[in-house]
Amino acid sequence: MVSASMEMAAYCFDTLVAHYTGDAVPPPAFEEGQFPLFVTWKKVLNGGEPRLRGCIGTLEARYIITGFKDYALTSALRDRRFPPIQARELPYLECTVSLLTDYETAAHYLDWEIGEHGMILEFTDPDGTRRSATYLPEVAAQEGWTKIETVDSLVRKAGYSGQITESMRRKFRITRYQSSLYTMHYSEYQAYVKRIRGAIPLRSTIKC
């Protein structure tokens, strides 16, 4: 079974650094496979809680080498919720790579566990519009949400702004899943590159 790894997170950093330097992305140091996957970038300032800077992925299986290469940049530069990550932010970034596994249809909207399951929520709103949204398994626990708060937040994420009723919740279609994830801070990435390649990514070569 393939698990998220240090090498995968380092490859995402390699891809983002190469975007700024214009250098070629070093070949990946992990085996190919096919999984749904996500890349999450967060920014850590002054020892505070990491703040989300971008998170995009796919719920469909992708070859993970091209998938991580694509979504490392898409989540860093084209998440519409945030301005593109700038080169000067690199030293403050951490990257989390997620491989999604164990998709199951939930019996009802509360049939999942906080911290264990991610969710894909699908529903048709009162106006007849079909909507969907997902949260990765770690989101509810990190936010301190209850199950209902998580589900209702997903409804808002899906773009519905009307009243959320209990009868509406009972009609939600929930697909739950689990994930394997690995988180790496930029300082750990620098140490990894020094250990593996005998060099450190030089900030001076990065075009801001």
Protein backbone atom coordinates (compact mmCIF):
# COMPACT_ATOMS: atom_id res chain seq x y z
CA MET A 1 0.00 0.00 0.00
CA VAL A 2 1.42 3.38 -1.02
CA SER A 3 1.45 6.00 1.76
CA ALA A 4 2.06 9.73 1.65
CA SER A 5 5.75 10.37 2.25
CA MET A 6 8.54 12.87 2.81
CA GLU A 7 9.64 12.37 -0.79
CA MET A 8 6.21 13.36 -2.11
CA ALA A 9 6.13 16.56 -0.05
CA ALA A 10 9.70 17.37 -1.12
CA TYR A 11 8.67 16.88 -4.77
CA CYS A 12 5.91 19.46 -4.31
CA PHE A 13 8.45 21.91 -2.87
CA ASP A 14 10.82 21.06 -5.76
CA THR A 15 8.04 21.90 -8.20
CA LEU A 16 7.20 25.24 -6.56
CA VAL A 17 10.86 26.28 -6.17
CA ALA A 18 11.51 25.41 -9.85
CA HIS A 19 8.56 27.61 -10.82
CA TYR A 20 10.36 30.60 -9.30
CA THR A 21 13.93 29.75 -10.36
CA GLY A 22 13.19 28.49 -13.85
CA ASP A 23 15.19 25.32 -13.17
CA ALA A 24 14.09 21.81 -14.10
CA VAL A 25 12.19 19.87 -11.43
CA PRO A 26 14.41 17.07 -10.06
CA PRO A 27 13.03 13.57 -10.74
CA PRO A 28 10.73 12.23 -8.03
CA ALA A 29 12.13 9.86 -5.40
CA PHE A 30 8.97 7.76 -5.04
CA GLU A 31 7.18 5.07 -7.00
CA GLU A 32 4.32 5.76 -9.41
CA GLY A 33 0.74 4.85 -8.50
CA GLN A 34 -2.81 6.09 -8.97
CA PHE A 35 -4.76 7.82 -6.20
CA PRO A 36 -7.08 10.74 -5.60
CA LEU A 37 -4.81 13.34 -4.05
CA PHE A 38 -4.57 16.86 -2.60
CA VAL A 39 -1.77 19.35 -2.03
CA THR A 40 -2.19 21.83 0.84
CA TRP A 41 0.05 24.85 1.45
CA LYS A 42 0.03 26.66 4.79
CA LYS A 43 2.04 29.62 6.05
CA VAL A 44 3.56 29.71 9.54
CA LEU A 45 4.49 33.11 11.00
CA ASN A 46 6.07 33.89 14.39
CA GLY A 47 5.37 30.43 15.76
CA GLY A 48 1.62 30.87 15.34
CA GLU A 49 -0.93 28.45 13.98
CA PRO A 50 -0.38 27.59 10.29
CA ARG A 51 -2.69 29.60 8.03
CA LEU A 52 -4.10 28.09 4.85
CA ARG A 53 -2.58 29.50 1.62
CA GLY A 54 -3.97 27.04 -0.87
CA CYS A 55 -5.53 23.59 -1.09
CA ILE A 56 -6.56 21.94 -4.35
CA GLY A 57 -6.67 18.36 -5.52
CA THR A 58 -8.83 15.75 -7.20
CA LEU A 59 -11.31 13.16 -5.99
CA GLU A 60 -10.56 11.06 -9.08
CA ALA A 61 -7.52 8.77 -9.25
CA ARG A 62 -4.48 10.39 -10.90
CA TYR A 63 -0.97 9.17 -11.54
CA ILE A 64 0.64 10.61 -8.44
CA ILE A 65 3.83 11.94 -10.04
CA THR A 66 2.02 14.17 -12.54
CA GLY A 67 -0.77 14.76 -10.03
CA PHE A 68 1.51 16.17 -7.35
CA LYS A 69 3.42 18.21 -9.94
CA ASP A 70 0.20 19.74 -11.27
CA TYR A 71 -1.52 20.37 -7.94
CA ALA A 72 1.59 21.68 -6.19
CA LEU A 73 1.39 24.65 -8.56
CA THR A 74 -2.38 24.84 -8.90
CA SER A 75 -2.92 24.99 -5.14
CA ALA A 76 -0.08 27.47 -4.64
CA LEU A 77 -0.91 29.83 -7.49
CA ARG A 78 -4.52 29.34 -8.56
CA ASP A 79 -6.65 28.77 -5.46
CA ARG A 80 -9.20 31.55 -5.98
CA ARG A 81 -9.65 32.04 -2.23
CA PHE A 82 -6.10 33.40 -1.88
CA PRO A 83 -3.57 35.52 -3.78
CA PRO A 84 -0.84 33.45 -5.47
CA ILE A 85 2.00 32.41 -3.17
CA GLN A 86 5.04 34.63 -3.70
CA ALA A 87 8.65 33.42 -3.73
CA ARG A 88 9.44 35.45 -0.61
CA GLU A 89 6.92 33.32 1.33
CA LEU A 90 8.81 30.07 0.75
CA PRO A 91 10.72 30.02 4.08
CA TYR A 92 7.40 30.21 5.97
CA LEU A 93 5.55 27.48 4.06
CA GLU A 94 4.61 23.97 4.98
CA CYS A 95 3.26 21.46 2.49
CA THR A 96 0.89 18.60 3.21
CA VAL A 97 0.37 15.87 0.62
CA SER A 98 -2.70 13.65 0.93
CA LEU A 99 -3.56 10.36 -0.77
CA LEU A 100 -7.26 9.52 -0.44
CA THR A 101 -8.40 5.96 0.25
CA ASP A 102 -11.31 3.80 1.44
CA TYR A 103 -14.26 5.52 -0.23
CA GLU A 104 -17.58 4.42 1.36
CA THR A 105 -21.17 5.56 1.06
CA ALA A 106 -22.36 6.81 4.46
CA ALA A 107 -25.73 5.60 5.78
CA HIS A 108 -26.71 9.17 6.76
CA TYR A 109 -25.15 12.59 7.23
CA LEU A 110 -23.75 11.75 10.69
CA ASP A 111 -22.29 8.37 9.65
CA TRP A 112 -18.61 9.39 9.82
CA GLU A 113 -15.99 10.12 12.48
CA ILE A 114 -14.23 13.43 13.15
CA GLY A 115 -10.50 13.13 12.54
CA GLU A 116 -10.87 9.82 10.72
CA HIS A 117 -13.05 10.52 7.70
CA GLY A 118 -13.13 13.15 5.02
CA MET A 119 -16.48 13.75 3.33
CA ILE A 120 -17.87 14.44 -0.10
CA LEU A 121 -21.25 16.12 0.37
CA GLU A 122 -23.73 16.11 -2.54
CA PHE A 123 -27.22 17.58 -2.53
CA THR A 124 -29.84 19.35 -4.59
CA ASP A 125 -30.89 22.67 -3.08
CA PRO A 126 -34.52 23.89 -2.90
CA ASP A 127 -34.06 25.74 -6.20
CA GLY A 128 -33.08 22.51 -7.95
CA THR A 129 -29.35 23.29 -8.21
CA ARG A 130 -27.03 20.31 -7.68
CA ARG A 131 -24.16 21.13 -5.35
CA SER A 132 -21.16 19.36 -3.87
CA ALA A 133 -18.11 20.05 -1.70
CA THR A 134 -15.50 18.13 0.27
CA TYR A 135 -13.37 18.44 3.39
CA LEU A 136 -10.26 16.37 4.03
CA PRO A 137 -10.26 14.22 7.20
CA GLU A 138 -8.16 16.64 9.25
CA VAL A 139 -10.33 19.74 8.68
CA ALA A 140 -13.12 19.17 11.23
CA ALA A 141 -10.69 18.29 14.01
CA GLN A 142 -8.43 21.26 13.26
CA GLU A 143 -11.39 23.64 13.33
CA GLY A 144 -12.91 22.11 16.46
CA TRP A 145 -16.26 21.57 14.73
CA THR A 146 -19.03 19.16 15.65
CA LYS A 147 -20.41 16.86 12.98
CA ILE A 148 -23.36 19.16 12.27
CA GLU A 149 -21.11 22.22 12.14
CA THR A 150 -18.88 20.41 9.66
CA VAL A 151 -21.77 19.36 7.45
CA ASP A 152 -23.32 22.84 7.51
CA SER A 153 -19.94 24.40 6.68
CA LEU A 154 -19.69 22.07 3.69
CA VAL A 155 -23.11 23.25 2.55
CA ARG A 156 -21.83 26.85 2.59
CA LYS A 157 -18.64 25.78 0.83
CA ALA A 158 -20.83 24.26 -1.88
CA GLY A 159 -22.31 27.73 -2.46
CA TYR A 160 -25.71 27.42 -0.80
CA SER A 161 -26.62 30.40 1.38
CA GLY A 162 -30.22 29.59 2.30
CA GLN A 163 -31.62 28.06 5.47
CA ILE A 164 -30.30 24.60 6.35
CA THR A 165 -33.06 22.47 7.86
CA GLU A 166 -32.97 19.05 9.46
CA SER A 167 -35.15 17.62 6.69
CA MET A 168 -32.66 18.97 4.18
CA ARG A 169 -29.75 17.36 6.02
CA ARG A 170 -31.47 13.98 5.94
CA LYS A 171 -31.42 14.07 2.14
CA PHE A 172 -27.68 14.76 1.86
CA ARG A 173 -25.57 12.15 0.06
CA ILE A 174 -22.32 11.59 1.94
CA THR A 175 -19.31 9.68 0.67
CA ARG A 176 -16.74 9.27 3.42
CA TYR A 177 -13.07 8.51 2.86
CA GLN A 178 -9.77 8.30 4.70
CA SER A 179 -6.35 9.66 3.83
CA SER A 180 -2.65 9.09 4.21
CA LEU A 181 -0.86 12.40 4.66
CA TYR A 182 2.61 13.84 5.23
CA THR A 183 3.51 17.40 6.24
CA MET A 184 6.88 19.06 5.59
CA HIS A 185 8.03 22.58 6.52
CA TYR A 186 10.39 24.47 4.20
CA SER A 187 13.22 24.15 6.73
CA GLU A 188 12.77 20.36 6.64
CA TYR A 189 12.78 20.52 2.86
CA GLN A 190 16.09 22.39 2.93
CA ALA A 191 17.58 19.75 5.24
CA TYR A 192 16.25 17.01 2.95
CA VAL A 193 17.82 18.58 -0.14
CA LYS A 194 21.13 19.05 1.67
CA ARG A 195 21.15 15.43 2.84
CA ILE A 196 20.07 13.90 -0.48
CA ARG A 197 21.70 16.25 -3.00
CA GLY A 198 24.46 17.90 -1.02
CA ALA A 199 23.05 21.41 -1.57
CA ILE A 200 20.49 23.79 -0.12
CA PRO A 201 17.86 25.61 -2.22
CA LEU A 202 19.26 29.13 -2.45
CA ARG A 203 16.81 31.95 -1.85
CA SER A 204 19.17 34.28 -3.69
CA THR A 205 18.42 32.45 -6.95
CA ILE A 206 14.68 32.97 -6.62
CA LYS A 207 13.10 35.72 -8.68
CA CYS A 208 10.62 37.66 -6.53
